[in-house]
Amino acid sequence: MQARLWLLLAAQLAALHGSLALVQTPASLMVQTNQTVMLSCKINTSPSNTRIYWLRLRQALSTSSHYEFLAYWESTKKTVHSKEVDKEKLTVLGNSPQNVLKLQSVKPADSGVYFCMIIGMPNLIFGTGTQLSVVDVLPTSPQPTQKTSPKKKVCRSPNPVTRKRLSCAPLITGLLVAGVLILLVSLAVAIHLRCLQMRARLRLLKQFYK
């Protein structure tokens, strides 16, 4: 029971402090197939000889989400690849405090969220993440269209006698209620995604501390 509580606490600390120690750029990136991609991870609080891991979350967040280990870098061994990774395609360039993941000839299968990570004491510290999308054809920007000024809607009463009784208040109230409902739904979705991410990080934490 104590071990489970410690793992949960470590995962929460990783989520809270990771963005302060490891900052990744860009936040998101869309490129065409066969291009070269450079993902950066800036280390703010760790010593220069810290071992830096690169992970990928390939699928959308769900109860079965897991982090895929790609490679790590350290000052003595340089790049150490995972067994499943093509060494010619992926390179980690370590120039403290900046660490760069270089991906060559990317394919749509390389799409996902890429994280840099360090092993702290006692928790794993994650970067802010980079969303990479690889497509065969980049979407084209829509052509600009001439804007027409919308006509203002005026609530009109059928006759002067009842004009004072009619107003636009019901319409405004309906819009406000709809806005509040949209905000509540968005908040619920954000909380759900955060919980799924925490579960995935907890599974990864268990692998490192087995």
Protein backbone atom coordinates (compact mmCIF):
# COMPACT_ATOMS: atom_id res chain seq x y z
CA MET A 1 0.00 0.00 0.00
CA GLN A 2 2.84 2.39 0.87
CA ALA A 3 4.60 1.64 -2.43
CA ARG A 4 1.46 2.51 -4.40
CA LEU A 5 1.06 5.78 -2.53
CA TRP A 6 4.71 6.66 -3.19
CA LEU A 7 4.35 5.96 -6.93
CA LEU A 8 1.22 8.11 -7.11
CA LEU A 9 2.95 10.97 -5.29
CA ALA A 10 5.97 10.73 -7.58
CA ALA A 11 3.79 10.89 -10.69
CA GLN A 12 2.00 13.98 -9.35
CA LEU A 13 5.31 15.69 -8.59
CA ALA A 14 6.49 14.93 -12.13
CA ALA A 15 3.43 16.61 -13.59
CA LEU A 16 3.76 19.67 -11.35
CA HIS A 17 7.49 20.34 -11.65
CA GLY A 18 8.39 18.92 -15.07
CA SER A 19 7.40 22.01 -17.03
CA LEU A 20 9.68 24.15 -14.82
CA ALA A 21 12.81 22.01 -15.32
CA LEU A 22 12.40 20.91 -18.95
CA VAL A 23 10.96 23.24 -21.59
CA GLN A 24 10.36 21.85 -25.09
CA THR A 25 10.03 23.78 -28.35
CA PRO A 26 8.09 23.94 -30.52
CA ALA A 27 4.86 23.07 -28.73
CA SER A 28 3.43 21.60 -31.95
CA LEU A 29 4.73 20.99 -35.46
CA MET A 30 3.25 19.79 -38.76
CA VAL A 31 5.59 18.67 -41.55
CA GLN A 32 5.44 16.75 -44.80
CA THR A 33 6.67 13.21 -45.30
CA ASN A 34 10.45 12.66 -45.70
CA GLN A 35 11.43 15.93 -44.04
CA THR A 36 13.94 16.34 -41.18
CA VAL A 37 12.58 17.45 -37.81
CA MET A 38 14.45 19.03 -34.89
CA LEU A 39 12.79 18.97 -31.45
CA SER A 40 14.44 20.95 -28.66
CA CYS A 41 14.50 20.38 -24.90
CA LYS A 42 15.99 23.07 -22.63
CA ILE A 43 17.25 22.00 -19.21
CA ASN A 44 16.80 24.71 -16.60
CA THR A 45 17.64 23.12 -13.27
CA SER A 46 19.76 20.00 -13.81
CA PRO A 47 23.57 19.62 -14.08
CA SER A 48 25.14 19.34 -17.52
CA ASN A 49 25.94 15.61 -17.17
CA THR A 50 22.32 14.59 -16.57
CA ARG A 51 21.08 11.66 -18.65
CA ILE A 52 18.21 12.86 -20.86
CA TYR A 53 15.59 10.41 -22.14
CA TRP A 54 13.33 10.90 -25.17
CA LEU A 55 9.91 9.25 -25.19
CA ARG A 56 6.95 9.18 -27.54
CA LEU A 57 3.25 8.91 -26.82
CA ARG A 58 2.11 7.60 -30.19
CA GLN A 59 -1.64 7.16 -29.70
CA ALA A 60 -4.30 9.43 -28.28
CA LEU A 61 -4.66 9.39 -24.51
CA SER A 62 -6.67 6.43 -23.27
CA THR A 63 -6.63 3.87 -20.47
CA SER A 64 -4.08 1.81 -22.48
CA SER A 65 -1.74 4.72 -23.33
CA HIS A 66 1.96 4.13 -22.71
CA TYR A 67 5.23 5.96 -23.32
CA GLU A 68 7.58 4.48 -25.94
CA PHE A 69 11.29 4.81 -25.08
CA LEU A 70 13.30 6.09 -28.08
CA ALA A 71 16.82 7.01 -26.91
CA TYR A 72 18.78 8.81 -24.23
CA TRP A 73 21.84 11.04 -24.21
CA GLU A 74 24.62 11.55 -21.72
CA SER A 75 27.98 13.27 -21.91
CA THR A 76 30.05 10.07 -21.86
CA LYS A 77 28.04 7.72 -24.11
CA LYS A 78 26.37 10.30 -26.37
CA THR A 79 23.25 8.73 -27.98
CA VAL A 80 22.02 5.34 -26.76
CA HIS A 81 19.10 4.01 -28.83
CA SER A 82 16.24 1.72 -27.98
CA LYS A 83 16.40 -1.71 -29.67
CA GLU A 84 13.26 -0.92 -31.69
CA VAL A 85 14.57 2.40 -33.06
CA ASP A 86 16.33 2.93 -36.40
CA LYS A 87 19.72 4.41 -35.44
CA GLU A 88 20.12 6.06 -38.85
CA LYS A 89 16.83 7.89 -38.49
CA LEU A 90 17.02 9.19 -34.93
CA THR A 91 19.86 11.15 -33.30
CA VAL A 92 20.10 12.98 -29.98
CA LEU A 93 22.36 16.04 -29.99
CA GLY A 94 23.50 17.03 -26.53
CA ASN A 95 24.66 20.60 -26.07
CA SER A 96 23.93 21.60 -22.50
CA PRO A 97 21.64 23.24 -21.54
CA GLN A 98 19.98 22.51 -24.91
CA ASN A 99 19.20 18.95 -25.99
CA VAL A 100 17.88 18.25 -29.50
CA LEU A 101 16.11 15.20 -30.93
CA LYS A 102 16.75 14.93 -34.68
CA LEU A 103 14.37 12.82 -36.80
CA GLN A 104 15.21 12.21 -40.47
CA SER A 105 12.88 11.12 -43.29
CA VAL A 106 9.81 11.23 -41.08
CA LYS A 107 6.67 9.27 -41.96
CA PRO A 108 3.04 9.57 -40.82
CA ALA A 109 3.76 6.69 -38.42
CA ASP A 110 6.20 9.00 -36.60
CA SER A 111 3.36 11.28 -35.52
CA GLY A 112 2.78 11.58 -31.79
CA VAL A 113 3.69 13.60 -28.71
CA TYR A 114 7.44 13.61 -27.98
CA PHE A 115 8.69 14.14 -24.42
CA CYS A 116 12.14 14.64 -22.98
CA MET A 117 12.59 13.32 -19.45
CA ILE A 118 15.15 13.11 -16.65
CA ILE A 119 15.16 10.86 -13.61
CA GLY A 120 15.01 13.05 -10.53
CA MET A 121 15.06 12.13 -6.87
CA PRO A 122 12.63 10.62 -6.21
CA ASN A 123 10.45 11.37 -9.25
CA LEU A 124 10.54 11.35 -13.04
CA ILE A 125 10.58 14.86 -14.53
CA PHE A 126 8.89 15.33 -17.92
CA GLY A 127 9.21 18.12 -20.43
CA THR A 128 6.28 20.13 -21.72
CA GLY A 129 5.96 17.90 -24.83
CA THR A 130 5.92 18.52 -28.59
CA GLN A 131 2.98 17.41 -30.76
CA LEU A 132 4.39 16.20 -34.11
CA SER A 133 2.04 15.62 -37.06
CA VAL A 134 3.48 14.13 -40.27
CA VAL A 135 1.25 14.37 -43.37
CA ASP A 136 1.70 13.62 -47.05
CA VAL A 137 0.25 16.98 -48.10
CA LEU A 138 0.17 20.11 -45.98
CA PRO A 139 -3.27 21.74 -45.72
CA THR A 140 -3.63 24.85 -47.83
CA SER A 141 -4.72 28.11 -46.29
CA PRO A 142 -8.18 29.27 -47.39
CA GLN A 143 -8.40 32.14 -49.85
CA PRO A 144 -9.38 35.45 -48.29
CA THR A 145 -12.98 36.40 -48.87
CA GLN A 146 -14.61 39.77 -48.79
CA LYS A 147 -16.27 40.40 -45.50
CA THR A 148 -19.81 41.65 -45.55
CA SER A 149 -21.04 43.61 -42.60
CA PRO A 150 -23.82 41.63 -40.93
CA LYS A 151 -27.15 43.29 -40.54
CA LYS A 152 -28.10 44.03 -36.99
CA LYS A 153 -31.16 42.23 -35.78
CA VAL A 154 -33.72 44.46 -34.17
CA CYS A 155 -36.54 43.17 -32.08
CA ARG A 156 -39.68 44.84 -33.34
CA SER A 157 -43.13 44.67 -31.88
CA PRO A 158 -46.14 44.24 -34.15
CA ASN A 159 -47.66 47.52 -33.00
CA PRO A 160 -46.69 50.51 -30.85
CA VAL A 161 -48.96 49.43 -28.00
CA THR A 162 -47.03 46.22 -27.20
CA ARG A 163 -43.55 47.52 -28.21
CA LYS A 164 -42.48 48.19 -24.63
CA ARG A 165 -43.35 44.68 -23.53
CA LEU A 166 -41.06 42.92 -26.01
CA SER A 167 -37.28 42.81 -25.56
CA CYS A 168 -34.20 40.85 -26.56
CA ALA A 169 -33.61 39.57 -23.01
CA PRO A 170 -34.62 35.91 -23.74
CA LEU A 171 -32.12 35.73 -26.62
CA ILE A 172 -29.27 37.09 -24.51
CA THR A 173 -30.12 34.72 -21.64
CA GLY A 174 -30.10 31.75 -24.00
CA LEU A 175 -26.66 32.69 -25.36
CA LEU A 176 -25.25 33.04 -21.84
CA VAL A 177 -26.60 29.64 -20.80
CA ALA A 178 -25.13 28.01 -23.92
CA GLY A 179 -21.74 29.61 -23.21
CA VAL A 180 -21.70 28.30 -19.64
CA LEU A 181 -22.57 24.78 -20.83
CA ILE A 182 -19.73 24.83 -23.39
CA LEU A 183 -17.24 25.91 -20.69
CA LEU A 184 -18.38 23.11 -18.36
CA VAL A 185 -18.04 20.46 -21.09
CA SER A 186 -14.55 21.74 -22.03
CA LEU A 187 -13.47 21.60 -18.37
CA ALA A 188 -14.74 18.04 -18.00
CA VAL A 189 -12.84 16.92 -21.15
CA ALA A 190 -9.62 18.61 -19.93
CA ILE A 191 -9.86 16.88 -16.53
CA HIS A 192 -10.46 13.50 -18.20
CA LEU A 193 -7.43 13.88 -20.50
CA ARG A 194 -5.27 14.92 -17.53
CA CYS A 195 -6.28 11.80 -15.62
CA LEU A 196 -5.40 9.58 -18.60
CA GLN A 197 -1.99 11.23 -18.90
CA MET A 198 -1.33 10.69 -15.20
CA ARG A 199 -2.15 6.98 -15.55
CA ALA A 200 0.28 6.62 -18.47
CA ARG A 201 3.05 8.35 -16.52
CA LEU A 202 2.38 6.16 -13.49
CA ARG A 203 2.81 3.02 -15.64
CA LEU A 204 6.13 4.37 -16.95
CA LEU A 205 7.25 5.20 -13.41
CA LYS A 206 6.59 1.60 -12.31
CA GLN A 207 8.81 0.35 -15.17
CA PHE A 208 11.75 2.52 -14.08
CA TYR A 209 11.52 1.57 -10.41
CA LYS A 210 10.95 -2.17 -10.79
